[in-house]
């Protein structure tokens, strides 16, 4: 079980500003559990949850960019091989 006594909204804000949305969510969530009517904390939890979801969505894009770069490099190699063999480059 995690010790929630060290969780504060201030640390949550610092983590959020630094881009550590998971840590920020832990802090905001722990403080919200102690003060469930705090609308600012509810907004903070929702905000960092959206950021985490956005980061997850972007992870798939990284693989696509990597594949695209690999294909571009392969195309360049094929073009260079074609020039070496006397064929016209494309």
N, C-alpha and C. Protein backbone atom coordinates (compact mmCIF):
# COMPACT_ATOMS: atom_id res chain seq x y z
N UNK A 1 0.84 -1.18 0.00
CA UNK A 1 0.00 0.00 0.00
C UNK A 1 0.89 1.24 0.00
N UNK A 2 0.50 2.24 -0.77
CA UNK A 2 1.28 3.47 -0.89
C UNK A 2 0.96 4.42 0.24
N UNK A 3 2.00 5.04 0.78
CA UNK A 3 1.84 6.04 1.83
C UNK A 3 1.37 7.34 1.20
N UNK A 4 0.12 7.72 1.42
CA UNK A 4 -0.43 8.92 0.81
C UNK A 4 -0.19 10.17 1.64
N UNK A 5 0.47 10.05 2.78
CA UNK A 5 0.71 11.23 3.62
C UNK A 5 1.68 12.20 2.97
N UNK A 6 2.49 11.74 2.03
CA UNK A 6 3.44 12.63 1.37
C UNK A 6 2.86 13.26 0.10
N UNK A 7 1.65 12.89 -0.27
CA UNK A 7 1.03 13.43 -1.47
C UNK A 7 0.41 14.80 -1.17
N UNK A 8 0.76 15.77 -1.99
CA UNK A 8 0.18 17.11 -1.85
C UNK A 8 -0.19 17.64 -3.23
N UNK A 9 -1.10 18.60 -3.23
CA UNK A 9 -1.49 19.23 -4.49
C UNK A 9 -0.32 20.03 -5.07
N UNK A 10 0.50 20.61 -4.20
CA UNK A 10 1.65 21.39 -4.67
C UNK A 10 2.64 20.50 -5.43
N UNK A 11 2.92 19.32 -4.89
CA UNK A 11 3.81 18.39 -5.60
C UNK A 11 3.16 17.93 -6.90
N UNK A 12 1.85 17.74 -6.87
CA UNK A 12 1.13 17.37 -8.08
C UNK A 12 1.30 18.43 -9.16
N UNK A 13 1.20 19.70 -8.78
CA UNK A 13 1.37 20.78 -9.75
C UNK A 13 2.79 20.81 -10.29
N UNK A 14 3.77 20.60 -9.42
CA UNK A 14 5.16 20.58 -9.87
C UNK A 14 5.41 19.45 -10.86
N UNK A 15 4.91 18.27 -10.52
CA UNK A 15 5.06 17.14 -11.44
C UNK A 15 4.37 17.42 -12.78
N UNK A 16 3.20 18.01 -12.71
CA UNK A 16 2.47 18.32 -13.94
C UNK A 16 3.26 19.32 -14.80
N UNK A 17 3.81 20.35 -14.19
CA UNK A 17 4.59 21.35 -14.93
C UNK A 17 5.81 20.73 -15.59
N UNK A 18 6.37 19.70 -14.97
CA UNK A 18 7.56 19.05 -15.50
C UNK A 18 7.22 17.94 -16.50
N UNK A 19 5.93 17.68 -16.68
CA UNK A 19 5.52 16.67 -17.66
C UNK A 19 5.40 15.26 -17.10
N UNK A 20 5.50 15.11 -15.78
CA UNK A 20 5.34 13.80 -15.15
C UNK A 20 3.87 13.63 -14.75
N UNK A 21 3.05 13.36 -15.77
CA UNK A 21 1.60 13.35 -15.55
C UNK A 21 1.13 12.20 -14.68
N UNK A 22 1.78 11.07 -14.76
CA UNK A 22 1.41 9.93 -13.92
C UNK A 22 1.62 10.25 -12.44
N UNK A 23 2.79 10.82 -12.14
CA UNK A 23 3.09 11.21 -10.75
C UNK A 23 2.14 12.30 -10.28
N UNK A 24 1.87 13.26 -11.18
CA UNK A 24 0.94 14.34 -10.83
C UNK A 24 -0.43 13.76 -10.50
N UNK A 25 -0.88 12.81 -11.31
CA UNK A 25 -2.18 12.19 -11.07
C UNK A 25 -2.24 11.45 -9.74
N UNK A 26 -1.12 10.80 -9.37
CA UNK A 26 -1.07 10.12 -8.07
C UNK A 26 -1.28 11.11 -6.94
N UNK A 27 -0.58 12.22 -7.01
CA UNK A 27 -0.69 13.23 -5.95
C UNK A 27 -2.08 13.85 -5.92
N UNK A 28 -2.57 14.29 -7.09
CA UNK A 28 -3.90 14.89 -7.12
C UNK A 28 -4.96 13.90 -6.64
N UNK A 29 -4.87 12.65 -7.08
CA UNK A 29 -5.85 11.64 -6.69
C UNK A 29 -5.84 11.36 -5.20
N UNK A 30 -4.64 11.29 -4.61
CA UNK A 30 -4.55 11.02 -3.17
C UNK A 30 -5.13 12.17 -2.36
N UNK A 31 -4.85 13.40 -2.80
CA UNK A 31 -5.39 14.56 -2.08
C UNK A 31 -6.90 14.64 -2.30
N UNK A 32 -7.35 14.32 -3.50
CA UNK A 32 -8.79 14.35 -3.79
C UNK A 32 -9.53 13.32 -2.95
N UNK A 33 -8.90 12.18 -2.68
CA UNK A 33 -9.54 11.15 -1.84
C UNK A 33 -9.79 11.69 -0.43
N UNK A 34 -8.95 12.60 0.03
CA UNK A 34 -9.12 13.20 1.36
C UNK A 34 -10.10 14.36 1.33
N UNK A 35 -10.26 14.97 0.13
CA UNK A 35 -11.15 16.13 -0.02
C UNK A 35 -11.96 15.96 -1.31
N UNK A 36 -12.93 15.03 -1.30
CA UNK A 36 -13.64 14.68 -2.53
C UNK A 36 -14.50 15.79 -3.13
N UNK A 37 -14.77 16.85 -2.39
CA UNK A 37 -15.60 17.94 -2.91
C UNK A 37 -14.77 19.05 -3.54
N UNK A 38 -13.47 18.89 -3.59
CA UNK A 38 -12.59 19.94 -4.13
C UNK A 38 -12.64 19.91 -5.66
N UNK A 39 -13.30 20.90 -6.22
CA UNK A 39 -13.48 20.94 -7.68
C UNK A 39 -12.18 21.22 -8.41
N UNK A 40 -11.27 21.97 -7.82
CA UNK A 40 -9.98 22.24 -8.46
C UNK A 40 -9.17 20.96 -8.60
N UNK A 41 -9.22 20.11 -7.58
CA UNK A 41 -8.51 18.84 -7.65
C UNK A 41 -9.16 17.90 -8.67
N UNK A 42 -10.49 17.93 -8.76
CA UNK A 42 -11.17 17.12 -9.76
C UNK A 42 -10.73 17.54 -11.16
N UNK A 43 -10.65 18.84 -11.39
CA UNK A 43 -10.20 19.35 -12.69
C UNK A 43 -8.75 18.94 -12.96
N UNK A 44 -7.92 19.00 -11.92
CA UNK A 44 -6.51 18.64 -12.08
C UNK A 44 -6.37 17.16 -12.44
N UNK A 45 -7.14 16.30 -11.79
CA UNK A 45 -7.09 14.86 -12.10
C UNK A 45 -7.54 14.62 -13.53
N UNK A 46 -8.60 15.28 -13.94
CA UNK A 46 -9.09 15.13 -15.32
C UNK A 46 -8.07 15.66 -16.33
N UNK A 47 -7.44 16.78 -16.01
CA UNK A 47 -6.46 17.39 -16.90
C UNK A 47 -5.26 16.47 -17.13
N UNK A 48 -4.70 15.92 -16.04
CA UNK A 48 -3.52 15.05 -16.21
C UNK A 48 -3.92 13.71 -16.83
N UNK A 49 -5.15 13.26 -16.58
CA UNK A 49 -5.61 12.03 -17.21
C UNK A 49 -5.68 12.21 -18.72
N UNK A 50 -6.13 13.37 -19.17
CA UNK A 50 -6.17 13.65 -20.61
C UNK A 50 -4.77 13.71 -21.18
N UNK A 51 -3.84 14.27 -20.42
CA UNK A 51 -2.44 14.34 -20.88
C UNK A 51 -1.85 12.94 -21.01
N UNK A 52 -2.15 12.09 -20.04
CA UNK A 52 -1.64 10.71 -20.08
C UNK A 52 -2.23 9.99 -21.29
N UNK A 53 -3.53 10.17 -21.52
CA UNK A 53 -4.18 9.53 -22.67
C UNK A 53 -3.58 10.06 -23.97
N UNK A 54 -3.30 11.36 -24.03
CA UNK A 54 -2.69 11.95 -25.21
C UNK A 54 -1.31 11.39 -25.47
N UNK A 55 -0.55 11.16 -24.41
CA UNK A 55 0.79 10.57 -24.56
C UNK A 55 0.69 9.14 -25.06
N UNK A 56 -0.30 8.40 -24.57
CA UNK A 56 -0.50 7.02 -25.05
C UNK A 56 -0.86 7.01 -26.53
N UNK A 57 -1.67 7.97 -26.94
CA UNK A 57 -2.07 8.05 -28.35
C UNK A 57 -0.86 8.36 -29.24
N UNK A 58 0.07 9.15 -28.76
CA UNK A 58 1.24 9.53 -29.54
C UNK A 58 2.26 8.40 -29.64
N UNK A 59 2.22 7.44 -28.72
CA UNK A 59 3.21 6.36 -28.77
C UNK A 59 3.07 5.53 -30.04
N UNK A 60 1.86 5.38 -30.55
CA UNK A 60 1.66 4.66 -31.80
C UNK A 60 2.24 5.42 -32.98
N UNK A 61 2.24 6.72 -32.90
CA UNK A 61 2.79 7.55 -33.96
C UNK A 61 4.30 7.39 -34.06
N UNK A 62 4.95 7.17 -32.94
CA UNK A 62 6.40 6.99 -32.93
C UNK A 62 6.80 5.80 -33.79
N UNK A 63 6.08 4.72 -33.67
CA UNK A 63 6.36 3.53 -34.48
C UNK A 63 6.17 3.79 -35.96
N UNK A 64 5.16 4.57 -36.30
CA UNK A 64 4.92 4.90 -37.70
C UNK A 64 6.04 5.76 -38.27
N UNK A 65 6.49 6.73 -37.50
CA UNK A 65 7.58 7.60 -37.95
C UNK A 65 8.85 6.77 -38.14
N UNK A 66 9.12 5.87 -37.21
CA UNK A 66 10.29 5.01 -37.31
C UNK A 66 10.23 4.17 -38.59
N UNK A 67 9.08 3.61 -38.87
CA UNK A 67 8.90 2.79 -40.08
C UNK A 67 9.08 3.64 -41.34
N UNK A 68 8.55 4.85 -41.33
CA UNK A 68 8.66 5.76 -42.47
C UNK A 68 10.12 6.10 -42.75
N UNK A 69 10.88 6.42 -41.70
CA UNK A 69 12.30 6.75 -41.87
C UNK A 69 13.06 5.53 -42.42
N UNK A 70 12.76 4.36 -41.90
CA UNK A 70 13.41 3.14 -42.39
C UNK A 70 13.13 2.94 -43.88
N UNK A 71 11.89 3.14 -44.28
CA UNK A 71 11.54 2.98 -45.69
C UNK A 71 12.23 4.02 -46.57
N UNK A 72 12.35 5.25 -46.08
CA UNK A 72 13.06 6.28 -46.84
C UNK A 72 14.53 5.92 -47.03
N UNK A 73 15.14 5.41 -45.98
CA UNK A 73 16.55 5.02 -46.07
C UNK A 73 16.73 3.85 -47.04
N UNK A 74 15.82 2.90 -47.00
CA UNK A 74 15.89 1.77 -47.93
C UNK A 74 15.72 2.23 -49.37
N UNK A 75 14.80 3.15 -49.58
CA UNK A 75 14.59 3.69 -50.93
C UNK A 75 15.86 4.37 -51.43
N UNK A 76 16.51 5.11 -50.56
CA UNK A 76 17.76 5.79 -50.92
C UNK A 76 18.85 4.78 -51.29
N UNK A 77 18.94 3.69 -50.52
CA UNK A 77 19.93 2.65 -50.82
C UNK A 77 19.68 2.01 -52.18
N UNK A 78 18.42 1.73 -52.46
CA UNK A 78 18.06 1.13 -53.75
C UNK A 78 18.43 2.09 -54.88
N UNK A 79 18.17 3.36 -54.72
CA UNK A 79 18.51 4.35 -55.74
C UNK A 79 20.02 4.40 -55.95
N UNK A 80 20.79 4.35 -54.88
CA UNK A 80 22.25 4.37 -55.01
C UNK A 80 22.76 3.12 -55.70
N UNK A 81 22.17 1.97 -55.39
CA UNK A 81 22.56 0.72 -56.05
C UNK A 81 22.23 0.77 -57.53
N UNK A 82 21.12 1.36 -57.87
CA UNK A 82 20.73 1.47 -59.28
C UNK A 82 21.71 2.36 -60.04
N UNK A 83 22.19 3.42 -59.43
CA UNK A 83 23.16 4.32 -60.07
C UNK A 83 24.48 3.59 -60.27
N UNK A 84 24.88 2.81 -59.25
CA UNK A 84 26.13 2.05 -59.35
C UNK A 84 26.09 1.03 -60.49
N UNK A 85 24.92 0.51 -60.79
CA UNK A 85 24.78 -0.51 -61.83
C UNK A 85 24.46 0.09 -63.20
N UNK A 86 24.46 1.42 -63.27
CA UNK A 86 24.23 2.08 -64.55
C UNK A 86 22.80 2.39 -64.88
N UNK A 87 21.89 2.05 -64.02
CA UNK A 87 20.47 2.36 -64.27
C UNK A 87 20.19 3.82 -63.91
N UNK A 88 19.16 4.37 -64.47
CA UNK A 88 18.79 5.75 -64.16
C UNK A 88 18.18 5.81 -62.77
N UNK A 89 18.58 6.80 -61.93
CA UNK A 89 18.01 6.91 -60.58
C UNK A 89 16.55 7.37 -60.65
N UNK A 90 15.80 6.98 -59.67
CA UNK A 90 14.38 7.37 -59.60
C UNK A 90 14.18 8.44 -58.57
